[in-house]
Amino acid sequence: MSLERAREHLQKWDKGEEIKELNVSSATVELAAQALGIEEARIAKTLAFMIDARPILIVTAGDTKIDNKKYRTLFGTKARMIDKDLVEKYVGHAIGGVCPFGINEDVSVYLDVSLKRFATVYPACGSANSAIEMTCEELEEIGRAEKWIDVCKTEL
């Protein structure tokens, strides 16, 4: 169901057929990188947060973590991830397949600057075994991102 929502959304940009449906799980950054044969950093992981009862998504490079101080400075509140059992309800996709494509209308999408290091990145497409390769510019447009932000610290 979520995969089809994502595919329908991507089809508006003639990208629906570019989804890679994998024979193995891509539910984590590590699994996705292994399945695609790429470095973990190029996985565009999508994290779901709640701000004042409103869901937001932040898409980051696979090798980053949220910097709580930067997050608080930007959003004026502590970073609170949506409970894993409620992500599908609030966002439209379950954990492992969360992406900015085919999401619920009231969800805001932000892209972290950590992604800009790469010519192309691989976000999920609504299921725990799907991904699509796209440029950051395509991700910004197709993912209907509000803006680029800087809320991550790179793992060393």
N, C-alpha and C. Protein backbone atom coordinates (compact mmCIF):
# COMPACT_ATOMS: atom_id res chain seq x y z
N MET A 1 0.83 -1.20 0.00
CA MET A 1 0.00 0.00 0.00
C MET A 1 0.87 1.26 0.00
N SER A 2 1.82 1.36 0.94
CA SER A 2 2.69 2.53 1.00
C SER A 2 3.57 2.63 -0.23
N LEU A 3 4.06 1.48 -0.71
CA LEU A 3 4.86 1.48 -1.93
C LEU A 3 4.05 2.05 -3.08
N GLU A 4 2.80 1.68 -3.17
CA GLU A 4 1.95 2.19 -4.26
C GLU A 4 1.68 3.68 -4.11
N ARG A 5 1.52 4.15 -2.88
CA ARG A 5 1.37 5.60 -2.65
C ARG A 5 2.60 6.35 -3.13
N ALA A 6 3.77 5.82 -2.78
CA ALA A 6 5.02 6.45 -3.20
C ALA A 6 5.15 6.40 -4.73
N ARG A 7 4.83 5.25 -5.32
CA ARG A 7 4.92 5.11 -6.78
C ARG A 7 3.99 6.09 -7.49
N GLU A 8 2.78 6.22 -6.99
CA GLU A 8 1.80 7.15 -7.58
C GLU A 8 2.33 8.59 -7.52
N HIS A 9 2.91 8.94 -6.38
CA HIS A 9 3.49 10.28 -6.22
C HIS A 9 4.65 10.48 -7.21
N LEU A 10 5.55 9.52 -7.26
CA LEU A 10 6.73 9.62 -8.14
C LEU A 10 6.34 9.64 -9.61
N GLN A 11 5.23 9.01 -9.94
CA GLN A 11 4.79 8.95 -11.33
C GLN A 11 4.46 10.34 -11.89
N LYS A 12 4.10 11.26 -11.03
CA LYS A 12 3.81 12.63 -11.48
C LYS A 12 5.05 13.27 -12.11
N TRP A 13 6.23 12.72 -11.80
CA TRP A 13 7.50 13.19 -12.38
C TRP A 13 8.11 12.11 -13.28
N ASP A 14 7.27 11.17 -13.73
CA ASP A 14 7.72 10.05 -14.57
C ASP A 14 8.85 9.27 -13.92
N LYS A 15 8.77 9.08 -12.62
CA LYS A 15 9.81 8.37 -11.88
C LYS A 15 9.31 7.06 -11.26
N GLY A 16 8.04 6.78 -11.38
CA GLY A 16 7.47 5.59 -10.74
C GLY A 16 8.13 4.29 -11.14
N GLU A 17 8.55 4.20 -12.38
CA GLU A 17 9.18 2.97 -12.87
C GLU A 17 10.63 2.85 -12.47
N GLU A 18 11.20 3.90 -11.86
CA GLU A 18 12.60 3.88 -11.45
C GLU A 18 12.80 3.31 -10.05
N ILE A 19 11.71 3.00 -9.36
CA ILE A 19 11.82 2.41 -8.03
C ILE A 19 12.48 1.05 -8.14
N LYS A 20 13.46 0.82 -7.29
CA LYS A 20 14.12 -0.48 -7.21
C LYS A 20 13.44 -1.27 -6.11
N GLU A 21 12.78 -2.37 -6.48
CA GLU A 21 12.20 -3.27 -5.49
C GLU A 21 13.21 -4.38 -5.25
N LEU A 22 13.69 -4.45 -4.03
CA LEU A 22 14.78 -5.35 -3.68
C LEU A 22 14.27 -6.69 -3.15
N ASN A 23 15.09 -7.72 -3.30
CA ASN A 23 14.74 -9.05 -2.80
C ASN A 23 15.07 -9.23 -1.33
N VAL A 24 15.74 -8.23 -0.76
CA VAL A 24 16.11 -8.26 0.65
C VAL A 24 15.65 -6.97 1.32
N SER A 25 15.69 -6.96 2.62
CA SER A 25 15.27 -5.78 3.36
C SER A 25 16.23 -4.61 3.16
N SER A 26 15.65 -3.44 3.07
CA SER A 26 16.43 -2.19 3.05
C SER A 26 15.90 -1.26 4.14
N ALA A 27 15.41 -1.87 5.22
CA ALA A 27 14.73 -1.13 6.28
C ALA A 27 15.65 -0.28 7.14
N THR A 28 16.96 -0.55 7.11
CA THR A 28 17.91 0.27 7.86
C THR A 28 18.94 0.81 6.88
N VAL A 29 19.68 1.81 7.30
CA VAL A 29 20.73 2.37 6.45
C VAL A 29 21.71 1.27 6.05
N GLU A 30 22.13 0.49 7.03
CA GLU A 30 23.11 -0.58 6.76
C GLU A 30 22.57 -1.59 5.74
N LEU A 31 21.35 -2.06 5.94
CA LEU A 31 20.76 -3.03 5.02
C LEU A 31 20.55 -2.45 3.63
N ALA A 32 20.10 -1.21 3.57
CA ALA A 32 19.87 -0.57 2.27
C ALA A 32 21.18 -0.42 1.51
N ALA A 33 22.24 0.00 2.19
CA ALA A 33 23.54 0.16 1.53
C ALA A 33 24.05 -1.18 1.02
N GLN A 34 23.91 -2.22 1.82
CA GLN A 34 24.33 -3.56 1.38
C GLN A 34 23.53 -4.02 0.17
N ALA A 35 22.22 -3.84 0.23
CA ALA A 35 21.35 -4.29 -0.86
C ALA A 35 21.63 -3.55 -2.16
N LEU A 36 21.98 -2.29 -2.06
CA LEU A 36 22.23 -1.46 -3.25
C LEU A 36 23.69 -1.44 -3.67
N GLY A 37 24.57 -1.95 -2.82
CA GLY A 37 25.99 -1.96 -3.13
C GLY A 37 26.63 -0.58 -3.12
N ILE A 38 26.19 0.26 -2.18
CA ILE A 38 26.71 1.63 -2.09
C ILE A 38 27.14 1.91 -0.65
N GLU A 39 27.82 3.05 -0.45
CA GLU A 39 28.21 3.43 0.90
C GLU A 39 26.99 3.91 1.69
N GLU A 40 27.01 3.67 2.99
CA GLU A 40 25.88 4.02 3.85
C GLU A 40 25.54 5.50 3.79
N ALA A 41 26.53 6.35 3.64
CA ALA A 41 26.30 7.80 3.64
C ALA A 41 25.33 8.22 2.53
N ARG A 42 25.29 7.49 1.40
CA ARG A 42 24.43 7.87 0.28
C ARG A 42 22.98 7.44 0.45
N ILE A 43 22.67 6.71 1.51
CA ILE A 43 21.28 6.39 1.81
C ILE A 43 20.63 7.64 2.39
N ALA A 44 19.55 8.08 1.80
CA ALA A 44 18.82 9.26 2.30
C ALA A 44 17.80 8.76 3.32
N LYS A 45 18.21 8.77 4.58
CA LYS A 45 17.31 8.27 5.62
C LYS A 45 16.33 9.36 6.00
N THR A 46 15.10 8.95 6.21
CA THR A 46 14.03 9.89 6.52
C THR A 46 13.57 9.66 7.95
N LEU A 47 13.72 10.68 8.77
CA LEU A 47 13.39 10.61 10.19
C LEU A 47 12.10 11.39 10.46
N ALA A 48 11.24 10.82 11.29
CA ALA A 48 9.93 11.42 11.58
C ALA A 48 9.91 12.00 12.99
N PHE A 49 9.57 13.28 13.08
CA PHE A 49 9.51 14.00 14.36
C PHE A 49 8.14 14.63 14.54
N MET A 50 7.85 14.99 15.78
CA MET A 50 6.61 15.68 16.10
C MET A 50 6.97 17.04 16.70
N ILE A 51 6.39 18.09 16.14
CA ILE A 51 6.55 19.44 16.68
C ILE A 51 5.15 20.01 16.92
N ASP A 52 4.82 20.24 18.18
CA ASP A 52 3.51 20.79 18.54
C ASP A 52 2.36 20.03 17.86
N ALA A 53 2.35 18.73 17.99
CA ALA A 53 1.31 17.85 17.43
C ALA A 53 1.26 17.87 15.90
N ARG A 54 2.36 18.29 15.27
CA ARG A 54 2.44 18.32 13.81
C ARG A 54 3.65 17.49 13.38
N PRO A 55 3.44 16.49 12.50
CA PRO A 55 4.56 15.66 12.06
C PRO A 55 5.43 16.37 11.03
N ILE A 56 6.74 16.14 11.14
CA ILE A 56 7.67 16.62 10.13
C ILE A 56 8.62 15.48 9.77
N LEU A 57 9.17 15.54 8.58
CA LEU A 57 10.19 14.60 8.15
C LEU A 57 11.47 15.37 7.89
N ILE A 58 12.58 14.79 8.30
CA ILE A 58 13.89 15.34 7.97
C ILE A 58 14.66 14.24 7.25
N VAL A 59 15.08 14.53 6.03
CA VAL A 59 15.85 13.57 5.23
C VAL A 59 17.32 13.94 5.38
N THR A 60 18.13 12.97 5.80
CA THR A 60 19.54 13.20 6.06
C THR A 60 20.40 12.16 5.36
N ALA A 61 21.68 12.42 5.29
CA ALA A 61 22.62 11.42 4.78
C ALA A 61 22.69 10.27 5.78
N GLY A 62 22.95 9.08 5.27
CA GLY A 62 22.93 7.88 6.10
C GLY A 62 23.97 7.81 7.18
N ASP A 63 25.01 8.62 7.12
CA ASP A 63 26.07 8.58 8.11
C ASP A 63 25.96 9.68 9.16
N THR A 64 24.80 10.28 9.29
CA THR A 64 24.62 11.39 10.23
C THR A 64 23.66 11.06 11.35
N LYS A 65 23.72 11.89 12.37
CA LYS A 65 22.76 11.83 13.47
C LYS A 65 22.29 13.25 13.73
N ILE A 66 21.10 13.37 14.28
CA ILE A 66 20.56 14.68 14.61
C ILE A 66 21.39 15.29 15.75
N ASP A 67 21.74 16.55 15.56
CA ASP A 67 22.43 17.32 16.59
C ASP A 67 21.32 18.04 17.37
N ASN A 68 21.10 17.62 18.60
CA ASN A 68 19.98 18.15 19.39
C ASN A 68 20.04 19.65 19.58
N LYS A 69 21.23 20.20 19.72
CA LYS A 69 21.36 21.65 19.90
C LYS A 69 20.94 22.39 18.63
N LYS A 70 21.40 21.93 17.48
CA LYS A 70 21.02 22.55 16.20
C LYS A 70 19.52 22.43 15.97
N TYR A 71 18.96 21.27 16.29
CA TYR A 71 17.52 21.03 16.12
C TYR A 71 16.72 22.02 16.98
N ARG A 72 17.11 22.12 18.26
CA ARG A 72 16.39 23.02 19.18
C ARG A 72 16.49 24.47 18.72
N THR A 73 17.66 24.87 18.23
CA THR A 73 17.85 26.24 17.74
C THR A 73 16.94 26.52 16.55
N LEU A 74 16.84 25.57 15.65
CA LEU A 74 16.03 25.77 14.45
C LEU A 74 14.54 25.69 14.71
N PHE A 75 14.11 24.67 15.44
CA PHE A 75 12.68 24.42 15.63
C PHE A 75 12.12 24.91 16.97
N GLY A 76 12.99 25.37 17.87
CA GLY A 76 12.53 25.91 19.14
C GLY A 76 12.00 24.89 20.11
N THR A 77 12.34 23.63 19.91
CA THR A 77 11.87 22.56 20.79
C THR A 77 12.84 21.40 20.74
N LYS A 78 12.72 20.52 21.71
CA LYS A 78 13.55 19.32 21.76
C LYS A 78 13.15 18.37 20.63
N ALA A 79 14.11 17.67 20.07
CA ALA A 79 13.83 16.68 19.02
C ALA A 79 13.08 15.50 19.63
N ARG A 80 11.86 15.28 19.16
CA ARG A 80 11.03 14.16 19.62
C ARG A 80 10.59 13.33 18.42
N MET A 81 11.20 12.17 18.29
CA MET A 81 10.82 11.30 17.19
C MET A 81 9.42 10.75 17.45
N ILE A 82 8.70 10.51 16.39
CA ILE A 82 7.36 9.92 16.51
C ILE A 82 7.52 8.46 16.93
N ASP A 83 6.72 8.02 17.87
CA ASP A 83 6.74 6.63 18.32
C ASP A 83 6.60 5.71 17.10
N LYS A 84 7.44 4.67 17.06
CA LYS A 84 7.47 3.79 15.89
C LYS A 84 6.10 3.20 15.53
N ASP A 85 5.25 2.99 16.52
CA ASP A 85 3.92 2.44 16.26
C ASP A 85 2.94 3.47 15.69
N LEU A 86 3.31 4.75 15.74
CA LEU A 86 2.43 5.82 15.25
C LEU A 86 2.92 6.48 13.96
N VAL A 87 4.11 6.11 13.50
CA VAL A 87 4.67 6.76 12.32
C VAL A 87 3.76 6.60 11.11
N GLU A 88 3.27 5.40 10.86
CA GLU A 88 2.41 5.19 9.69
C GLU A 88 1.14 6.04 9.77
N LYS A 89 0.56 6.14 10.94
CA LYS A 89 -0.65 6.95 11.13
C LYS A 89 -0.38 8.42 10.80
N TYR A 90 0.73 8.96 11.31
CA TYR A 90 1.00 10.38 11.13
C TYR A 90 1.62 10.73 9.78
N VAL A 91 2.43 9.82 9.24
CA VAL A 91 3.19 10.12 8.03
C VAL A 91 2.59 9.48 6.78
N GLY A 92 2.10 8.25 6.92
CA GLY A 92 1.57 7.55 5.76
C GLY A 92 2.41 6.36 5.33
N HIS A 93 3.58 6.21 5.94
CA HIS A 93 4.47 5.08 5.68
C HIS A 93 4.96 4.53 7.01
N ALA A 94 5.18 3.22 7.06
CA ALA A 94 5.68 2.58 8.27
C ALA A 94 7.20 2.67 8.35
N ILE A 95 7.71 2.48 9.56
CA ILE A 95 9.16 2.44 9.78
C ILE A 95 9.79 1.46 8.79
N GLY A 96 10.93 1.86 8.24
CA GLY A 96 11.63 1.02 7.27
C GLY A 96 11.37 1.45 5.85
N GLY A 97 10.25 2.15 5.63
CA GLY A 97 9.92 2.62 4.30
C GLY A 97 9.58 4.10 4.26
N VAL A 98 9.81 4.79 5.38
CA VAL A 98 9.46 6.20 5.46
C VAL A 98 10.27 6.99 4.42
N CYS A 99 9.55 7.82 3.68
CA CYS A 99 10.14 8.64 2.63
C CYS A 99 9.24 9.85 2.42
N PRO A 100 9.69 10.85 1.66
CA PRO A 100 8.86 12.03 1.46
C PRO A 100 7.87 11.91 0.29
N PHE A 101 7.70 10.72 -0.25
CA PHE A 101 6.83 10.53 -1.42
C PHE A 101 5.51 9.87 -1.02
N GLY A 102 4.40 10.50 -1.37
CA GLY A 102 3.09 9.92 -1.08
C GLY A 102 2.75 9.97 0.40
N ILE A 103 3.17 11.02 1.07
CA ILE A 103 2.92 11.15 2.51
C ILE A 103 1.60 11.88 2.77
N ASN A 104 1.18 11.86 4.01
CA ASN A 104 -0.02 12.59 4.40
C ASN A 104 0.17 14.09 4.16
N GLU A 105 -0.90 14.78 3.84
CA GLU A 105 -0.84 16.18 3.42
C GLU A 105 -0.28 17.14 4.47
N ASP A 106 -0.48 16.86 5.74
CA ASP A 106 -0.07 17.81 6.78
C ASP A 106 1.38 17.63 7.25
N VAL A 107 2.16 16.83 6.54
CA VAL A 107 3.55 16.56 6.93
C VAL A 107 4.50 17.49 6.18
N SER A 108 5.33 18.21 6.92
CA SER A 108 6.34 19.07 6.31
C SER A 108 7.63 18.28 6.12
N VAL A 109 8.33 18.55 5.02
CA VAL A 109 9.57 17.85 4.69
C VAL A 109 10.72 18.84 4.66
N TYR A 110 11.82 18.47 5.31
CA TYR A 110 13.05 19.25 5.31
C TYR A 110 14.19 18.35 4.86
N LEU A 111 15.14 18.93 4.15
CA LEU A 111 16.32 18.19 3.71
C LEU A 111 17.54 18.73 4.43
N ASP A 112 18.35 17.84 5.00
CA ASP A 112 19.55 18.27 5.69
C ASP A 112 20.69 18.43 4.69
N VAL A 113 21.51 19.45 4.92
CA VAL A 113 22.62 19.76 4.01
C VAL A 113 23.64 18.63 3.90
N SER A 114 23.59 17.67 4.80
CA SER A 114 24.51 16.53 4.74
C SER A 114 24.36 15.75 3.43
N LEU A 115 23.21 15.85 2.79
CA LEU A 115 22.96 15.15 1.52
C LEU A 115 23.70 15.78 0.35
N LYS A 116 24.00 17.07 0.46
CA LYS A 116 24.57 17.81 -0.67
C LYS A 116 25.98 17.36 -1.06
N ARG A 117 26.58 16.48 -0.29
CA ARG A 117 27.91 15.96 -0.62
C ARG A 117 27.88 15.03 -1.83
N PHE A 118 26.70 14.57 -2.20
CA PHE A 118 26.58 13.49 -3.19
C PHE A 118 25.85 13.95 -4.45
N ALA A 119 26.27 13.40 -5.58
CA ALA A 119 25.58 13.69 -6.85
C ALA A 119 24.20 13.06 -6.84
N THR A 120 24.10 11.84 -6.28
CA THR A 120 22.81 11.17 -6.15
C THR A 120 22.72 10.49 -4.79
N VAL A 121 21.49 10.33 -4.32
CA VAL A 121 21.22 9.66 -3.05
C VAL A 121 20.08 8.67 -3.26
N TYR A 122 19.84 7.82 -2.25
CA TYR A 122 18.85 6.75 -2.36
C TYR A 122 17.85 6.79 -1.21
N PRO A 123 16.73 7.47 -1.36
CA PRO A 123 15.68 7.39 -0.34
C PRO A 123 14.84 6.12 -0.54
N ALA A 124 14.15 5.71 0.51
CA ALA A 124 13.21 4.61 0.44
C ALA A 124 12.00 5.05 -0.38
N CYS A 125 11.14 4.09 -0.66
CA CYS A 125 9.92 4.39 -1.44
C CYS A 125 8.68 3.76 -0.84
N GLY A 126 8.54 3.86 0.47
CA GLY A 126 7.31 3.43 1.12
C GLY A 126 7.28 2.02 1.64
N SER A 127 8.30 1.21 1.34
CA SER A 127 8.35 -0.15 1.85
C SER A 127 9.74 -0.45 2.38
N ALA A 128 9.86 -1.55 3.11
CA ALA A 128 11.14 -1.94 3.71
C ALA A 128 12.05 -2.67 2.73
N ASN A 129 11.72 -2.64 1.45
CA ASN A 129 12.59 -3.25 0.44
C ASN A 129 12.54 -2.48 -0.88
N SER A 130 12.55 -1.15 -0.76
CA SER A 130 12.50 -0.33 -1.97
C SER A 130 13.38 0.91 -1.82
N ALA A 131 13.82 1.42 -2.96
CA ALA A 131 14.64 2.64 -2.97
C ALA A 131 14.60 3.21 -4.38
N ILE A 132 15.04 4.45 -4.49
CA ILE A 132 15.14 5.09 -5.79
C ILE A 132 16.37 6.00 -5.78
N GLU A 133 17.09 6.03 -6.87
CA GLU A 133 18.24 6.92 -6.97
C GLU A 133 17.78 8.24 -7.57
N MET A 134 18.18 9.34 -6.94
CA MET A 134 17.84 10.66 -7.49
C MET A 134 18.85 11.70 -7.03
N THR A 135 18.89 12.79 -7.77
CA THR A 135 19.76 13.90 -7.38
C THR A 135 19.13 14.64 -6.20
N CYS A 136 19.92 15.45 -5.54
CA CYS A 136 19.39 16.25 -4.43
C CYS A 136 18.34 17.24 -4.93
N GLU A 137 18.55 17.75 -6.13
CA GLU A 137 17.58 18.67 -6.72
C GLU A 137 16.25 17.96 -6.98
N GLU A 138 16.31 16.73 -7.48
CA GLU A 138 15.08 15.96 -7.68
C GLU A 138 14.41 15.66 -6.35
N LEU A 139 15.20 15.28 -5.35
CA LEU A 139 14.64 14.99 -4.03
C LEU A 139 13.95 16.23 -3.47
N GLU A 140 14.55 17.39 -3.65
CA GLU A 140 13.96 18.63 -3.17
C GLU A 140 12.61 18.90 -3.85
N GLU A 141 12.58 18.77 -5.17
CA GLU A 141 11.34 19.04 -5.91
C GLU A 141 10.29 17.96 -5.69
N ILE A 142 10.66 16.72 -5.92
CA ILE A 142 9.70 15.62 -5.85
C ILE A 142 9.25 15.36 -4.41
N GLY A 143 10.17 15.56 -3.47
CA GLY A 143 9.82 15.38 -2.07
C GLY A 143 9.10 16.58 -1.48
N ARG A 144 8.92 17.60 -2.30
CA ARG A 144 8.23 18.83 -1.89
C ARG A 144 8.79 19.40 -0.58
N ALA A 145 10.11 19.47 -0.54
CA ALA A 145 10.79 19.96 0.67
C ALA A 145 10.52 21.44 0.89
N GLU A 146 10.31 21.80 2.13
CA GLU A 146 10.11 23.21 2.48
C GLU A 146 11.40 23.99 2.33
N LYS A 147 12.51 23.37 2.82
CA LYS A 147 13.80 24.04 2.69
C LYS A 147 14.92 23.10 3.12
N TRP A 148 16.15 23.54 2.82
CA TRP A 148 17.35 22.86 3.28
C TRP A 148 17.67 23.39 4.67
N ILE A 149 18.04 22.47 5.56
CA ILE A 149 18.39 22.84 6.93
C ILE A 149 19.71 22.18 7.32
N ASP A 150 20.27 22.59 8.44
CA ASP A 150 21.50 22.01 8.95
C ASP A 150 21.25 21.61 10.39
N VAL A 151 20.84 20.36 10.61
CA VAL A 151 20.55 19.88 11.97
C VAL A 151 21.28 18.59 12.31
N CYS A 152 22.29 18.22 11.54
CA CYS A 152 22.98 16.97 11.80
C CYS A 152 24.43 17.17 12.17
N LYS A 153 24.95 16.16 12.84
CA LYS A 153 26.38 16.06 13.09
C LYS A 153 26.83 14.79 12.38
N THR A 154 27.96 14.83 11.77
CA THR A 154 28.46 13.66 11.06
C THR A 154 29.15 12.73 12.04
N GLU A 155 28.83 11.46 11.97
CA GLU A 155 29.50 10.47 12.80
C GLU A 155 30.94 10.35 12.36
N LEU A 156 31.82 10.29 13.30
CA LEU A 156 33.25 10.15 12.98
C LEU A 156 33.74 8.79 13.36
